[in-house]
Protein backbone atom coordinates (compact mmCIF):
# COMPACT_ATOMS: atom_id res chain seq x y z
CA MET A 1 11.22 3.97 -12.32
CA ASN A 2 11.69 7.72 -11.83
CA ARG A 3 12.63 8.76 -8.31
CA PHE A 4 12.24 12.27 -6.93
CA GLU A 5 13.52 14.27 -4.01
CA TYR A 6 11.41 16.93 -2.33
CA LEU A 7 12.09 20.26 -0.68
CA ILE A 8 9.79 22.65 1.20
CA VAL A 9 10.75 26.32 1.22
CA SER A 10 9.14 29.22 3.02
CA LEU A 11 8.76 32.27 0.80
CA PRO A 12 9.91 35.67 2.07
CA THR A 13 7.23 38.11 3.22
CA PHE A 14 5.38 39.40 0.18
CA GLU A 15 6.75 42.57 -1.36
CA GLY A 16 5.66 44.29 -4.52
CA ALA A 17 7.67 43.82 -7.70
CA ARG A 18 10.93 45.74 -7.96
CA LYS A 19 11.72 48.16 -10.74
CA THR A 20 12.45 45.20 -13.01
CA GLN A 21 9.15 43.60 -14.03
CA GLY A 22 8.52 40.22 -12.43
CA HIS A 23 11.24 40.39 -9.78
CA SER A 24 10.50 40.13 -6.08
CA PRO A 25 12.30 38.27 -3.28
CA SER A 26 9.85 35.35 -3.64
CA VAL A 27 10.19 35.11 -7.42
CA ASP A 28 13.98 35.39 -7.15
CA LEU A 29 14.06 32.53 -4.60
CA LEU A 30 11.91 30.31 -6.82
CA ASN A 31 14.03 31.15 -9.88
CA ARG A 32 17.21 30.18 -7.99
CA GLN A 33 15.66 26.87 -6.97
CA GLY A 34 14.42 26.32 -10.53
CA GLY A 35 17.97 26.86 -11.75
CA GLU A 36 19.00 23.92 -9.55
CA GLY A 37 16.37 21.68 -11.14
CA TRP A 38 13.56 22.13 -8.60
CA GLU A 39 9.97 22.46 -9.83
CA ALA A 40 7.20 23.97 -7.70
CA VAL A 41 4.40 21.40 -7.40
CA GLY A 42 2.36 22.75 -4.50
CA MET A 43 1.80 25.81 -2.38
CA SER A 44 0.13 26.35 0.98
CA THR A 45 -0.61 29.30 3.23
CA LEU A 46 0.39 28.52 6.81
CA ALA A 47 -1.30 29.62 10.05
CA ASP A 48 1.09 32.58 10.40
CA SER A 49 0.15 33.73 6.86
CA SER A 50 3.52 32.72 5.44
CA VAL A 51 3.60 30.67 2.26
CA ALA A 52 5.30 27.28 1.95
CA VAL A 53 6.12 25.87 -1.48
CA LEU A 54 6.66 22.16 -2.17
CA LEU A 55 9.38 21.57 -4.76
CA LYS A 56 10.49 18.34 -6.42
CA ARG A 57 13.21 17.27 -8.82
CA PRO A 58 14.31 13.97 -10.32
CA VAL A 59 17.10 12.13 -8.55
CA PRO A 60 20.01 11.64 -10.99
CA ALA A 61 20.49 7.99 -12.01
CA ALA A 62 23.86 7.64 -10.20
CA GLN A 63 22.38 8.99 -6.94
CA ASP A 64 19.36 6.73 -7.42
CA LEU A 65 21.63 3.66 -7.47
CA ASP A 66 23.49 4.88 -4.37
CA ALA A 67 20.19 5.54 -2.57
CA ARG A 68 18.92 2.08 -3.42
CA ALA A 69 22.05 0.50 -1.99
CA ASP A 70 21.78 2.64 1.18
CA THR A 71 18.09 1.87 1.74
CA GLY A 72 18.08 -1.72 0.55
CA ILE A 73 15.72 -0.92 -2.33
CA GLY A 74 16.51 -3.23 -5.19
CA VAL A 75 19.02 -5.16 -3.07
CA THR A 76 18.31 -8.86 -2.65
CA THR A 77 18.69 -10.15 0.88
CA ASP A 78 18.01 -13.65 2.14
CA LEU A 79 15.85 -12.74 5.14
CA THR A 80 15.20 -16.37 6.03
CA THR A 81 18.92 -17.00 6.56
CA SER A 82 19.30 -13.78 8.56
CA ARG A 83 16.29 -14.61 10.72
CA ASN A 84 17.41 -18.17 11.35
CA LYS A 85 20.90 -17.07 12.36
CA SER A 86 19.50 -14.54 14.82
CA ASN A 87 17.39 -17.31 16.40
CA GLY A 88 20.38 -19.61 16.67
CA ASP A 89 19.08 -21.98 13.97
CA PRO A 90 22.10 -23.16 11.92
CA ARG A 91 20.15 -23.29 8.60
């Protein structure tokens, strides 16, 4: 199963493109994030008129295994034994 991590960034105040076509502080920020593997999947205008962008990227397989171990996902635990021990039942 593919796992993803998410990031929300606030774009800088809108400015017109610079001398170089297609460059602005917002575009530059998104390009930097894209270079790190992030993909913009949503955008929203907030109450203060700023723009928030939702980004996601796949979690590398090695990190996915570490995350599963940390969260208990995919780890088998005998909850009956744990529960019984906490209640003082010797089973």
